[in-house]
Amino acid sequence: MALNVEVTLPAFQKHYGYKLGDPVIAFFQEHAAADAEHSGRQLALTAKYVNTPELAARAMWVAEEACRLRWASITDLYQRRC
């Protein structure tokens, strides 16, 4: 999954009102290609090393926590800017 293209940029538009091309979200637009490459690497590593139900549960928890922290930090930055 290309996180910036499929999740982050649409969420910036829907929840924060930013439009594509807005300099505030330029970092995320500019790094969309690298994001897709990194996502592919992460999926390959997950498929290779997460091979038990326990590891899968731990990987899911870590991924969910990373998403929560990412959105919390972005929301905080947005609120401080306004």
N, C-alpha and C. Protein backbone atom coordinates (compact mmCIF):
# COMPACT_ATOMS: atom_id res chain seq x y z
N MET A 1 0.84 -1.18 0.00
CA MET A 1 0.00 0.00 0.00
C MET A 1 0.88 1.24 0.00
N ALA A 2 0.56 2.16 -0.82
CA ALA A 2 1.27 3.44 -0.86
C ALA A 2 0.56 4.37 0.12
N LEU A 3 1.06 4.40 1.34
CA LEU A 3 0.37 5.10 2.43
C LEU A 3 0.07 6.55 2.11
N ASN A 4 1.05 7.29 1.60
CA ASN A 4 0.81 8.71 1.33
C ASN A 4 -0.26 8.92 0.28
N VAL A 5 -0.23 8.12 -0.77
CA VAL A 5 -1.18 8.30 -1.88
C VAL A 5 -2.57 7.77 -1.51
N GLU A 6 -2.62 6.62 -0.86
CA GLU A 6 -3.90 5.96 -0.61
C GLU A 6 -4.57 6.37 0.69
N VAL A 7 -3.80 6.84 1.67
CA VAL A 7 -4.37 7.15 2.98
C VAL A 7 -4.11 8.60 3.39
N THR A 8 -2.85 8.98 3.44
CA THR A 8 -2.48 10.27 4.03
C THR A 8 -3.02 11.45 3.23
N LEU A 9 -2.76 11.51 1.95
CA LEU A 9 -3.22 12.65 1.16
C LEU A 9 -4.74 12.77 1.13
N PRO A 10 -5.48 11.67 0.93
CA PRO A 10 -6.93 11.80 1.00
C PRO A 10 -7.43 12.24 2.39
N ALA A 11 -6.75 11.78 3.44
CA ALA A 11 -7.16 12.20 4.79
C ALA A 11 -6.88 13.67 5.02
N PHE A 12 -5.75 14.16 4.49
CA PHE A 12 -5.48 15.59 4.61
C PHE A 12 -6.58 16.40 3.92
N GLN A 13 -7.06 15.91 2.81
CA GLN A 13 -8.13 16.61 2.09
C GLN A 13 -9.45 16.53 2.86
N LYS A 14 -9.79 15.34 3.32
CA LYS A 14 -11.08 15.13 3.96
C LYS A 14 -11.15 15.75 5.36
N HIS A 15 -10.13 15.52 6.18
CA HIS A 15 -10.20 15.90 7.59
C HIS A 15 -9.59 17.26 7.90
N TYR A 16 -8.66 17.71 7.06
CA TYR A 16 -7.98 18.97 7.35
C TYR A 16 -8.25 20.06 6.31
N GLY A 17 -8.89 19.69 5.21
CA GLY A 17 -9.25 20.67 4.20
C GLY A 17 -8.14 21.09 3.26
N TYR A 18 -7.01 20.39 3.28
CA TYR A 18 -5.92 20.73 2.37
C TYR A 18 -6.20 20.19 0.97
N LYS A 19 -5.76 20.91 -0.02
CA LYS A 19 -5.89 20.49 -1.41
C LYS A 19 -4.53 20.02 -1.92
N LEU A 20 -4.54 19.12 -2.91
CA LEU A 20 -3.29 18.72 -3.54
C LEU A 20 -2.62 19.95 -4.10
N GLY A 21 -1.31 20.06 -3.92
CA GLY A 21 -0.58 21.23 -4.36
C GLY A 21 -0.36 22.25 -3.26
N ASP A 22 -1.06 22.09 -2.14
CA ASP A 22 -0.87 23.00 -1.00
C ASP A 22 0.53 22.78 -0.44
N PRO A 23 1.31 23.84 -0.25
CA PRO A 23 2.68 23.68 0.25
C PRO A 23 2.75 23.03 1.63
N VAL A 24 1.68 23.10 2.40
CA VAL A 24 1.68 22.50 3.73
C VAL A 24 1.84 20.97 3.66
N ILE A 25 1.30 20.35 2.63
CA ILE A 25 1.39 18.89 2.51
C ILE A 25 2.35 18.47 1.40
N ALA A 26 3.17 19.40 0.94
CA ALA A 26 4.10 19.12 -0.16
C ALA A 26 5.04 17.96 0.17
N PHE A 27 5.52 17.88 1.41
CA PHE A 27 6.42 16.78 1.80
C PHE A 27 5.80 15.44 1.47
N PHE A 28 4.53 15.27 1.82
CA PHE A 28 3.86 13.99 1.63
C PHE A 28 3.63 13.69 0.14
N GLN A 29 3.36 14.73 -0.64
CA GLN A 29 3.19 14.54 -2.08
C GLN A 29 4.52 14.19 -2.73
N GLU A 30 5.58 14.89 -2.33
CA GLU A 30 6.89 14.66 -2.94
C GLU A 30 7.46 13.29 -2.61
N HIS A 31 7.08 12.73 -1.49
CA HIS A 31 7.63 11.45 -1.07
C HIS A 31 6.71 10.26 -1.37
N ALA A 32 5.71 10.49 -2.20
CA ALA A 32 4.76 9.42 -2.51
C ALA A 32 5.43 8.23 -3.19
N ALA A 33 6.34 8.47 -4.13
CA ALA A 33 7.01 7.35 -4.82
C ALA A 33 7.88 6.56 -3.86
N ALA A 34 8.64 7.25 -3.03
CA ALA A 34 9.48 6.56 -2.04
C ALA A 34 8.61 5.80 -1.06
N ASP A 35 7.47 6.38 -0.71
CA ASP A 35 6.55 5.72 0.21
C ASP A 35 6.07 4.39 -0.35
N ALA A 36 5.76 4.36 -1.63
CA ALA A 36 5.31 3.11 -2.26
C ALA A 36 6.42 2.07 -2.22
N GLU A 37 7.65 2.49 -2.48
CA GLU A 37 8.79 1.56 -2.44
C GLU A 37 9.01 1.04 -1.02
N HIS A 38 8.96 1.92 -0.04
CA HIS A 38 9.16 1.51 1.35
C HIS A 38 8.06 0.56 1.81
N SER A 39 6.84 0.83 1.39
CA SER A 39 5.73 -0.05 1.75
C SER A 39 5.95 -1.46 1.21
N GLY A 40 6.42 -1.54 -0.02
CA GLY A 40 6.71 -2.84 -0.62
C GLY A 40 7.78 -3.60 0.15
N ARG A 41 8.82 -2.90 0.57
CA ARG A 41 9.87 -3.53 1.37
C ARG A 41 9.33 -4.03 2.70
N GLN A 42 8.51 -3.20 3.34
CA GLN A 42 7.95 -3.59 4.63
C GLN A 42 7.04 -4.81 4.50
N LEU A 43 6.26 -4.86 3.45
CA LEU A 43 5.41 -6.03 3.23
C LEU A 43 6.23 -7.29 3.00
N ALA A 44 7.31 -7.17 2.24
CA ALA A 44 8.18 -8.32 1.99
C ALA A 44 8.83 -8.81 3.27
N LEU A 45 9.31 -7.90 4.09
CA LEU A 45 9.92 -8.29 5.36
C LEU A 45 8.89 -8.93 6.30
N THR A 46 7.70 -8.38 6.30
CA THR A 46 6.63 -8.95 7.14
C THR A 46 6.32 -10.37 6.70
N ALA A 47 6.18 -10.58 5.40
CA ALA A 47 5.88 -11.92 4.88
C ALA A 47 6.99 -12.90 5.22
N LYS A 48 8.21 -12.43 5.24
CA LYS A 48 9.36 -13.30 5.50
C LYS A 48 9.49 -13.66 6.98
N TYR A 49 9.29 -12.70 7.87
CA TYR A 49 9.62 -12.91 9.28
C TYR A 49 8.43 -13.07 10.22
N VAL A 50 7.27 -12.61 9.82
CA VAL A 50 6.10 -12.74 10.70
C VAL A 50 5.39 -14.04 10.30
N ASN A 51 5.78 -15.11 11.01
CA ASN A 51 5.34 -16.43 10.58
C ASN A 51 4.65 -17.24 11.68
N THR A 52 4.23 -16.56 12.75
CA THR A 52 3.44 -17.23 13.79
C THR A 52 2.28 -16.31 14.18
N PRO A 53 1.24 -16.88 14.74
CA PRO A 53 0.13 -16.03 15.19
C PRO A 53 0.57 -14.99 16.23
N GLU A 54 1.51 -15.34 17.09
CA GLU A 54 1.99 -14.41 18.10
C GLU A 54 2.72 -13.23 17.46
N LEU A 55 3.58 -13.53 16.49
CA LEU A 55 4.28 -12.45 15.79
C LEU A 55 3.31 -11.60 14.98
N ALA A 56 2.31 -12.23 14.39
CA ALA A 56 1.32 -11.48 13.62
C ALA A 56 0.54 -10.53 14.53
N ALA A 57 0.17 -11.00 15.72
CA ALA A 57 -0.55 -10.14 16.67
C ALA A 57 0.33 -8.98 17.11
N ARG A 58 1.59 -9.26 17.38
CA ARG A 58 2.51 -8.20 17.80
C ARG A 58 2.72 -7.21 16.65
N ALA A 59 2.90 -7.69 15.44
CA ALA A 59 3.09 -6.81 14.29
C ALA A 59 1.87 -5.92 14.07
N MET A 60 0.68 -6.48 14.25
CA MET A 60 -0.55 -5.69 14.10
C MET A 60 -0.60 -4.60 15.16
N TRP A 61 -0.26 -4.94 16.40
CA TRP A 61 -0.28 -3.94 17.47
C TRP A 61 0.70 -2.81 17.17
N VAL A 62 1.91 -3.18 16.74
CA VAL A 62 2.94 -2.18 16.43
C VAL A 62 2.47 -1.27 15.29
N ALA A 63 1.90 -1.86 14.25
CA ALA A 63 1.42 -1.07 13.11
C ALA A 63 0.30 -0.11 13.54
N GLU A 64 -0.63 -0.60 14.34
CA GLU A 64 -1.72 0.26 14.81
C GLU A 64 -1.20 1.39 15.68
N GLU A 65 -0.26 1.09 16.56
CA GLU A 65 0.32 2.12 17.43
C GLU A 65 1.07 3.16 16.60
N ALA A 66 1.81 2.71 15.59
CA ALA A 66 2.53 3.65 14.72
C ALA A 66 1.55 4.58 14.00
N CYS A 67 0.43 4.04 13.55
CA CYS A 67 -0.58 4.88 12.89
C CYS A 67 -1.19 5.88 13.85
N ARG A 68 -1.51 5.43 15.05
CA ARG A 68 -2.07 6.36 16.05
C ARG A 68 -1.09 7.49 16.36
N LEU A 69 0.18 7.14 16.55
CA LEU A 69 1.18 8.16 16.86
C LEU A 69 1.38 9.12 15.69
N ARG A 70 1.37 8.58 14.48
CA ARG A 70 1.54 9.44 13.30
C ARG A 70 0.42 10.47 13.21
N TRP A 71 -0.83 10.00 13.34
CA TRP A 71 -1.96 10.91 13.23
C TRP A 71 -2.02 11.89 14.40
N ALA A 72 -1.64 11.43 15.58
CA ALA A 72 -1.63 12.33 16.74
C ALA A 72 -0.62 13.44 16.53
N SER A 73 0.54 13.11 15.99
CA SER A 73 1.56 14.14 15.77
C SER A 73 1.14 15.09 14.66
N ILE A 74 0.53 14.58 13.60
CA ILE A 74 0.06 15.44 12.51
C ILE A 74 -1.06 16.35 13.00
N THR A 75 -1.98 15.80 13.79
CA THR A 75 -3.07 16.61 14.33
C THR A 75 -2.53 17.70 15.24
N ASP A 76 -1.55 17.38 16.08
CA ASP A 76 -0.96 18.36 16.97
C ASP A 76 -0.29 19.48 16.17
N LEU A 77 0.45 19.10 15.14
CA LEU A 77 1.08 20.12 14.29
C LEU A 77 0.03 21.02 13.64
N TYR A 78 -1.04 20.42 13.15
CA TYR A 78 -2.12 21.18 12.52
C TYR A 78 -2.75 22.15 13.52
N GLN A 79 -3.03 21.66 14.73
CA GLN A 79 -3.68 22.52 15.73
C GLN A 79 -2.77 23.67 16.16
N ARG A 80 -1.49 23.42 16.26
CA ARG A 80 -0.55 24.48 16.64
C ARG A 80 -0.42 25.52 15.54
N ARG A 81 -0.62 25.10 14.29
CA ARG A 81 -0.50 26.01 13.14
C ARG A 81 -1.70 26.94 13.07
N CYS A 82 -2.87 26.47 13.49
CA CYS A 82 -4.11 27.24 13.35
C CYS A 82 -4.28 28.28 14.44
